Amino acid sequence: MEKAMQGAHGLGYETYKQKHGLRMKVEQKREQEHQECQRLVSDIERKIHS
C-alpha cells in the first residue's frame, strides 16, 4: 500500500494519515478520476449499443 500511495500520489501513507489537507486533495483527485472513468464507460456502452 505504501508503494501504491507513493507512486500514485507522491506521498507515503503515514503522511496521508497525518495531513488532512493533503488527504483531501488525494481524495478529490480520486473522485475526479472515478467520475472520468464512469463517463468513459458510459460513452463506450452508448457506442456499443447504438
N, C-alpha and C. Protein backbone atom coordinates (compact mmCIF):
# COMPACT_ATOMS: atom_id res chain seq x y z
N MET A 1 0.82 -1.18 0.00
CA MET A 1 0.00 0.00 0.00
C MET A 1 0.87 1.25 0.00
N GLU A 2 1.98 1.18 0.68
CA GLU A 2 2.90 2.31 0.73
C GLU A 2 3.42 2.66 -0.67
N LYS A 3 3.83 1.64 -1.42
CA LYS A 3 4.34 1.88 -2.78
C LYS A 3 3.26 2.45 -3.68
N ALA A 4 2.04 1.97 -3.52
CA ALA A 4 0.94 2.46 -4.34
C ALA A 4 0.67 3.93 -4.05
N MET A 5 0.66 4.30 -2.78
CA MET A 5 0.44 5.71 -2.41
C MET A 5 1.57 6.58 -2.94
N GLN A 6 2.78 6.08 -2.80
CA GLN A 6 3.95 6.84 -3.24
C GLN A 6 3.90 7.03 -4.76
N GLY A 7 3.59 5.96 -5.47
CA GLY A 7 3.57 6.04 -6.92
C GLY A 7 2.42 6.87 -7.46
N ALA A 8 1.25 6.71 -6.89
CA ALA A 8 0.07 7.39 -7.41
C ALA A 8 -0.03 8.84 -6.97
N HIS A 9 0.40 9.13 -5.76
CA HIS A 9 0.16 10.46 -5.21
C HIS A 9 1.42 11.18 -4.74
N GLY A 10 2.54 10.49 -4.75
CA GLY A 10 3.80 11.14 -4.37
C GLY A 10 3.97 11.37 -2.88
N LEU A 11 3.22 10.65 -2.05
CA LEU A 11 3.41 10.76 -0.62
C LEU A 11 3.14 9.42 0.04
N GLY A 12 3.75 9.23 1.18
CA GLY A 12 3.59 7.97 1.89
C GLY A 12 2.28 7.93 2.67
N TYR A 13 1.91 6.74 3.07
CA TYR A 13 0.65 6.55 3.78
C TYR A 13 0.65 7.27 5.12
N GLU A 14 1.78 7.28 5.79
CA GLU A 14 1.87 7.95 7.09
C GLU A 14 1.59 9.45 6.95
N THR A 15 2.16 10.06 5.92
CA THR A 15 1.90 11.47 5.65
C THR A 15 0.43 11.68 5.30
N TYR A 16 -0.11 10.78 4.50
CA TYR A 16 -1.51 10.83 4.10
C TYR A 16 -2.41 10.83 5.34
N LYS A 17 -2.09 9.96 6.30
CA LYS A 17 -2.90 9.86 7.51
C LYS A 17 -2.82 11.12 8.36
N GLN A 18 -1.65 11.74 8.42
CA GLN A 18 -1.42 12.83 9.35
C GLN A 18 -1.84 14.20 8.84
N LYS A 19 -1.82 14.41 7.54
CA LYS A 19 -2.07 15.75 6.99
C LYS A 19 -3.43 15.81 6.30
N HIS A 20 -4.36 16.43 6.98
CA HIS A 20 -5.73 16.49 6.49
C HIS A 20 -5.83 17.17 5.12
N GLY A 21 -5.13 18.26 4.91
CA GLY A 21 -5.18 18.98 3.64
C GLY A 21 -4.73 18.12 2.47
N LEU A 22 -3.64 17.40 2.66
CA LEU A 22 -3.14 16.51 1.62
C LEU A 22 -4.12 15.37 1.37
N ARG A 23 -4.68 14.85 2.45
CA ARG A 23 -5.64 13.76 2.32
C ARG A 23 -6.85 14.21 1.50
N MET A 24 -7.32 15.43 1.74
CA MET A 24 -8.47 15.94 0.99
C MET A 24 -8.13 16.10 -0.49
N LYS A 25 -6.92 16.56 -0.80
CA LYS A 25 -6.51 16.69 -2.21
C LYS A 25 -6.46 15.33 -2.89
N VAL A 26 -5.91 14.34 -2.20
CA VAL A 26 -5.84 12.99 -2.76
C VAL A 26 -7.24 12.46 -3.02
N GLU A 27 -8.13 12.65 -2.07
CA GLU A 27 -9.50 12.14 -2.22
C GLU A 27 -10.25 12.88 -3.33
N GLN A 28 -10.02 14.16 -3.49
CA GLN A 28 -10.64 14.90 -4.58
C GLN A 28 -10.13 14.40 -5.93
N LYS A 29 -8.84 14.14 -6.01
CA LYS A 29 -8.26 13.61 -7.25
C LYS A 29 -8.85 12.24 -7.56
N ARG A 30 -8.98 11.40 -6.55
CA ARG A 30 -9.57 10.06 -6.74
C ARG A 30 -11.00 10.18 -7.24
N GLU A 31 -11.76 11.09 -6.67
CA GLU A 31 -13.15 11.27 -7.07
C GLU A 31 -13.24 11.74 -8.52
N GLN A 32 -12.38 12.69 -8.91
CA GLN A 32 -12.36 13.16 -10.30
C GLN A 32 -12.02 12.03 -11.25
N GLU A 33 -11.02 11.23 -10.91
CA GLU A 33 -10.63 10.12 -11.77
C GLU A 33 -11.76 9.10 -11.88
N HIS A 34 -12.45 8.86 -10.78
CA HIS A 34 -13.56 7.92 -10.79
C HIS A 34 -14.68 8.44 -11.71
N GLN A 35 -15.00 9.71 -11.62
CA GLN A 35 -16.04 10.29 -12.46
C GLN A 35 -15.65 10.24 -13.94
N GLU A 36 -14.38 10.51 -14.24
CA GLU A 36 -13.90 10.43 -15.62
C GLU A 36 -14.05 9.01 -16.16
N CYS A 37 -13.69 8.04 -15.35
CA CYS A 37 -13.81 6.64 -15.76
C CYS A 37 -15.27 6.26 -15.99
N GLN A 38 -16.16 6.74 -15.13
CA GLN A 38 -17.57 6.45 -15.28
C GLN A 38 -18.11 7.04 -16.58
N ARG A 39 -17.68 8.26 -16.92
CA ARG A 39 -18.10 8.89 -18.20
C ARG A 39 -17.57 8.10 -19.38
N LEU A 40 -16.33 7.66 -19.29
CA LEU A 40 -15.72 6.89 -20.37
C LEU A 40 -16.48 5.58 -20.59
N VAL A 41 -16.78 4.89 -19.51
CA VAL A 41 -17.53 3.63 -19.61
C VAL A 41 -18.91 3.89 -20.20
N SER A 42 -19.55 4.94 -19.76
CA SER A 42 -20.87 5.29 -20.26
C SER A 42 -20.83 5.58 -21.77
N ASP A 43 -19.82 6.33 -22.19
CA ASP A 43 -19.67 6.63 -23.63
C ASP A 43 -19.45 5.36 -24.44
N ILE A 44 -18.60 4.48 -23.96
CA ILE A 44 -18.31 3.23 -24.65
C ILE A 44 -19.56 2.38 -24.74
N GLU A 45 -20.29 2.25 -23.63
CA GLU A 45 -21.51 1.47 -23.63
C GLU A 45 -22.56 2.04 -24.61
N ARG A 46 -22.65 3.37 -24.65
CA ARG A 46 -23.58 4.02 -25.56
C ARG A 46 -23.20 3.72 -27.01
N LYS A 47 -21.93 3.76 -27.33
CA LYS A 47 -21.47 3.47 -28.69
C LYS A 47 -21.71 2.01 -29.07
N ILE A 48 -21.52 1.12 -28.13
CA ILE A 48 -21.72 -0.31 -28.38
C ILE A 48 -23.18 -0.60 -28.67
N HIS A 49 -24.06 0.04 -27.95
CA HIS A 49 -25.50 -0.25 -28.05
C HIS A 49 -26.20 0.59 -29.11
N SER A 50 -25.47 1.41 -29.85
CA SER A 50 -26.12 2.23 -30.89
C SER A 50 -26.27 1.47 -32.18
